[in-house]
Amino acid sequence: MLPAQSFSLAFQSSLAKYIAFLSDPPDDDDAPLYGLRPSTLAMREFQLRQMASALVHRGVPIEEITSIGMLAQREHVNAICEFF
């Protein structure tokens, strides 16, 4: 698995914003009711980096991975699932 620093600043920012959202969610119908525990936040960050790393190992140039939202694109989901 690649360290977060290996990815673009845009991906790192997207990842950090999502983890911050999960740690202190706004009062919104689409947000979790409570912030997640630190251990859960660390696991989520690990899982997202793991998926992004799988894409790199499947041939996606690391500089093209610019947000965590890209991990949910159909072709990327397929590549991640095939990797694992």
N, C-alpha and C. Protein backbone atom coordinates (compact mmCIF):
# COMPACT_ATOMS: atom_id res chain seq x y z
N MET A 1 0.85 -1.17 0.00
CA MET A 1 0.00 0.00 0.00
C MET A 1 0.89 1.23 0.00
N LEU A 2 0.47 2.22 -0.76
CA LEU A 2 1.24 3.45 -0.88
C LEU A 2 0.87 4.42 0.23
N PRO A 3 1.86 5.18 0.73
CA PRO A 3 1.55 6.19 1.75
C PRO A 3 0.77 7.35 1.13
N ALA A 4 0.03 8.04 1.95
CA ALA A 4 -0.79 9.16 1.47
C ALA A 4 0.05 10.19 0.72
N GLN A 5 1.29 10.40 1.15
CA GLN A 5 2.15 11.40 0.54
C GLN A 5 2.53 11.05 -0.90
N SER A 6 2.34 9.81 -1.31
CA SER A 6 2.64 9.41 -2.68
C SER A 6 1.59 9.92 -3.66
N PHE A 7 0.40 10.20 -3.17
CA PHE A 7 -0.70 10.64 -4.03
C PHE A 7 -0.66 12.15 -4.22
N SER A 8 -1.43 12.61 -5.19
CA SER A 8 -1.48 14.04 -5.49
C SER A 8 -2.01 14.81 -4.29
N LEU A 9 -1.69 16.09 -4.25
CA LEU A 9 -2.20 16.95 -3.18
C LEU A 9 -3.72 17.01 -3.22
N ALA A 10 -4.28 16.94 -4.41
CA ALA A 10 -5.75 16.96 -4.55
C ALA A 10 -6.36 15.73 -3.88
N PHE A 11 -5.76 14.56 -4.10
CA PHE A 11 -6.27 13.34 -3.45
C PHE A 11 -6.10 13.43 -1.95
N GLN A 12 -4.94 13.86 -1.49
CA GLN A 12 -4.69 14.00 -0.06
C GLN A 12 -5.70 14.95 0.58
N SER A 13 -6.01 16.04 -0.11
CA SER A 13 -6.99 17.01 0.41
C SER A 13 -8.38 16.39 0.46
N SER A 14 -8.77 15.68 -0.58
CA SER A 14 -10.07 15.02 -0.63
C SER A 14 -10.20 14.00 0.50
N LEU A 15 -9.15 13.24 0.71
CA LEU A 15 -9.13 12.24 1.78
C LEU A 15 -9.24 12.91 3.15
N ALA A 16 -8.47 13.96 3.36
CA ALA A 16 -8.49 14.67 4.65
C ALA A 16 -9.85 15.30 4.91
N LYS A 17 -10.47 15.88 3.89
CA LYS A 17 -11.79 16.49 4.05
C LYS A 17 -12.84 15.45 4.41
N TYR A 18 -12.76 14.28 3.78
CA TYR A 18 -13.73 13.23 4.08
C TYR A 18 -13.56 12.71 5.50
N ILE A 19 -12.33 12.52 5.92
CA ILE A 19 -12.08 12.04 7.29
C ILE A 19 -12.55 13.10 8.30
N ALA A 20 -12.32 14.38 8.00
CA ALA A 20 -12.80 15.45 8.88
C ALA A 20 -14.33 15.45 8.94
N PHE A 21 -14.98 15.22 7.80
CA PHE A 21 -16.43 15.14 7.75
C PHE A 21 -16.93 14.00 8.63
N LEU A 22 -16.28 12.85 8.57
CA LEU A 22 -16.70 11.71 9.38
C LEU A 22 -16.42 11.91 10.86
N SER A 23 -15.40 12.70 11.18
CA SER A 23 -15.05 12.90 12.59
C SER A 23 -15.97 13.92 13.26
N ASP A 24 -16.47 14.87 12.49
CA ASP A 24 -17.36 15.90 13.05
C ASP A 24 -18.42 16.24 12.01
N PRO A 25 -19.39 15.35 11.81
CA PRO A 25 -20.38 15.55 10.75
C PRO A 25 -21.30 16.73 11.04
N PRO A 26 -21.72 17.42 9.97
CA PRO A 26 -22.66 18.53 10.15
C PRO A 26 -24.05 17.99 10.50
N ASP A 27 -24.90 18.87 10.95
CA ASP A 27 -26.29 18.51 11.25
C ASP A 27 -27.03 18.49 9.92
N ASP A 28 -26.99 17.32 9.28
CA ASP A 28 -27.52 17.17 7.93
C ASP A 28 -28.12 15.77 7.82
N ASP A 29 -29.17 15.64 7.04
CA ASP A 29 -29.82 14.33 6.88
C ASP A 29 -28.91 13.30 6.22
N ASP A 30 -27.93 13.73 5.42
CA ASP A 30 -27.05 12.81 4.72
C ASP A 30 -25.78 12.49 5.50
N ALA A 31 -25.62 13.07 6.66
CA ALA A 31 -24.40 12.87 7.45
C ALA A 31 -24.67 11.88 8.58
N PRO A 32 -23.61 11.24 9.06
CA PRO A 32 -23.78 10.37 10.24
C PRO A 32 -24.28 11.20 11.43
N LEU A 33 -24.97 10.55 12.34
CA LEU A 33 -25.49 11.26 13.51
C LEU A 33 -24.37 11.74 14.43
N TYR A 34 -23.33 10.92 14.55
CA TYR A 34 -22.22 11.23 15.45
C TYR A 34 -20.90 11.05 14.71
N GLY A 35 -19.88 11.70 15.22
CA GLY A 35 -18.55 11.51 14.68
C GLY A 35 -18.05 10.10 14.96
N LEU A 36 -17.27 9.58 14.06
CA LEU A 36 -16.73 8.24 14.23
C LEU A 36 -15.57 8.24 15.21
N ARG A 37 -15.32 7.09 15.81
CA ARG A 37 -14.21 6.95 16.75
C ARG A 37 -12.88 7.06 16.00
N PRO A 38 -11.84 7.48 16.70
CA PRO A 38 -10.52 7.60 16.06
C PRO A 38 -10.06 6.30 15.39
N SER A 39 -10.32 5.17 16.01
CA SER A 39 -9.90 3.90 15.40
C SER A 39 -10.67 3.63 14.10
N THR A 40 -11.94 4.00 14.07
CA THR A 40 -12.74 3.83 12.85
C THR A 40 -12.28 4.79 11.77
N LEU A 41 -11.96 6.02 12.15
CA LEU A 41 -11.45 6.99 11.19
C LEU A 41 -10.14 6.51 10.57
N ALA A 42 -9.27 5.96 11.41
CA ALA A 42 -7.99 5.44 10.91
C ALA A 42 -8.23 4.29 9.94
N MET A 43 -9.20 3.43 10.24
CA MET A 43 -9.52 2.31 9.36
C MET A 43 -10.08 2.81 8.03
N ARG A 44 -10.96 3.80 8.06
CA ARG A 44 -11.52 4.35 6.81
C ARG A 44 -10.41 4.95 5.95
N GLU A 45 -9.51 5.69 6.57
CA GLU A 45 -8.40 6.31 5.84
C GLU A 45 -7.54 5.21 5.21
N PHE A 46 -7.26 4.17 5.96
CA PHE A 46 -6.49 3.04 5.47
C PHE A 46 -7.18 2.38 4.28
N GLN A 47 -8.48 2.14 4.40
CA GLN A 47 -9.23 1.47 3.34
C GLN A 47 -9.24 2.29 2.05
N LEU A 48 -9.40 3.60 2.18
CA LEU A 48 -9.41 4.44 0.98
C LEU A 48 -8.04 4.49 0.32
N ARG A 49 -6.99 4.56 1.12
CA ARG A 49 -5.64 4.51 0.54
C ARG A 49 -5.36 3.14 -0.08
N GLN A 50 -5.88 2.10 0.54
CA GLN A 50 -5.71 0.75 0.01
C GLN A 50 -6.37 0.63 -1.36
N MET A 51 -7.58 1.17 -1.50
CA MET A 51 -8.27 1.12 -2.79
C MET A 51 -7.54 1.94 -3.84
N ALA A 52 -7.08 3.13 -3.47
CA ALA A 52 -6.34 3.97 -4.41
C ALA A 52 -5.04 3.29 -4.82
N SER A 53 -4.38 2.64 -3.88
CA SER A 53 -3.14 1.92 -4.19
C SER A 53 -3.41 0.76 -5.14
N ALA A 54 -4.53 0.09 -4.97
CA ALA A 54 -4.89 -1.01 -5.87
C ALA A 54 -5.03 -0.49 -7.30
N LEU A 55 -5.62 0.69 -7.45
CA LEU A 55 -5.74 1.28 -8.79
C LEU A 55 -4.37 1.51 -9.41
N VAL A 56 -3.45 2.02 -8.61
CA VAL A 56 -2.09 2.26 -9.11
C VAL A 56 -1.47 0.94 -9.54
N HIS A 57 -1.64 -0.10 -8.75
CA HIS A 57 -1.07 -1.40 -9.09
C HIS A 57 -1.76 -2.03 -10.29
N ARG A 58 -2.97 -1.58 -10.60
CA ARG A 58 -3.69 -2.06 -11.79
C ARG A 58 -3.39 -1.21 -13.02
N GLY A 59 -2.51 -0.21 -12.87
CA GLY A 59 -2.07 0.55 -14.04
C GLY A 59 -2.58 1.97 -14.16
N VAL A 60 -3.39 2.43 -13.23
CA VAL A 60 -3.87 3.81 -13.28
C VAL A 60 -2.72 4.71 -12.80
N PRO A 61 -2.32 5.70 -13.61
CA PRO A 61 -1.25 6.60 -13.16
C PRO A 61 -1.64 7.31 -11.87
N ILE A 62 -0.72 7.33 -10.92
CA ILE A 62 -1.02 7.87 -9.59
C ILE A 62 -1.47 9.33 -9.66
N GLU A 63 -0.93 10.09 -10.60
CA GLU A 63 -1.30 11.51 -10.71
C GLU A 63 -2.73 11.70 -11.22
N GLU A 64 -3.33 10.66 -11.77
CA GLU A 64 -4.71 10.75 -12.25
C GLU A 64 -5.72 10.51 -11.13
N ILE A 65 -5.28 10.03 -10.00
CA ILE A 65 -6.18 9.78 -8.86
C ILE A 65 -6.21 11.06 -8.04
N THR A 66 -7.26 11.87 -8.26
CA THR A 66 -7.30 13.21 -7.68
C THR A 66 -8.35 13.39 -6.59
N SER A 67 -9.19 12.39 -6.37
CA SER A 67 -10.18 12.50 -5.30
C SER A 67 -10.65 11.11 -4.89
N ILE A 68 -11.22 11.04 -3.70
CA ILE A 68 -11.74 9.74 -3.26
C ILE A 68 -12.98 9.36 -4.06
N GLY A 69 -13.66 10.34 -4.63
CA GLY A 69 -14.83 10.06 -5.45
C GLY A 69 -14.50 9.22 -6.67
N MET A 70 -13.26 9.33 -7.14
CA MET A 70 -12.85 8.54 -8.30
C MET A 70 -12.85 7.04 -7.99
N LEU A 71 -12.73 6.70 -6.72
CA LEU A 71 -12.70 5.29 -6.34
C LEU A 71 -14.04 4.62 -6.58
N ALA A 72 -15.11 5.41 -6.69
CA ALA A 72 -16.45 4.86 -6.87
C ALA A 72 -16.88 4.80 -8.33
N GLN A 73 -16.03 5.23 -9.25
CA GLN A 73 -16.36 5.13 -10.67
C GLN A 73 -16.37 3.66 -11.07
N ARG A 74 -17.34 3.29 -11.91
CA ARG A 74 -17.56 1.89 -12.25
C ARG A 74 -16.28 1.17 -12.68
N GLU A 75 -15.52 1.77 -13.60
CA GLU A 75 -14.32 1.08 -14.08
C GLU A 75 -13.27 0.94 -12.98
N HIS A 76 -13.24 1.91 -12.06
CA HIS A 76 -12.30 1.82 -10.96
C HIS A 76 -12.75 0.79 -9.92
N VAL A 77 -14.04 0.73 -9.67
CA VAL A 77 -14.56 -0.29 -8.74
C VAL A 77 -14.22 -1.68 -9.28
N ASN A 78 -14.42 -1.88 -10.58
CA ASN A 78 -14.10 -3.17 -11.18
C ASN A 78 -12.62 -3.50 -11.03
N ALA A 79 -11.75 -2.51 -11.28
CA ALA A 79 -10.31 -2.72 -11.16
C ALA A 79 -9.91 -3.04 -9.74
N ILE A 80 -10.51 -2.34 -8.78
CA ILE A 80 -10.20 -2.58 -7.36
C ILE A 80 -10.64 -3.99 -6.98
N CYS A 81 -11.85 -4.37 -7.38
CA CYS A 81 -12.36 -5.71 -7.04
C CYS A 81 -11.50 -6.80 -7.68
N GLU A 82 -11.08 -6.59 -8.92
CA GLU A 82 -10.23 -7.58 -9.58
C GLU A 82 -8.89 -7.69 -8.86
N PHE A 83 -8.37 -6.57 -8.38
CA PHE A 83 -7.08 -6.60 -7.68
C PHE A 83 -7.18 -7.43 -6.41
N PHE A 84 -8.26 -7.21 -5.65
CA PHE A 84 -8.40 -7.93 -4.39
C PHE A 84 -9.03 -9.29 -4.58
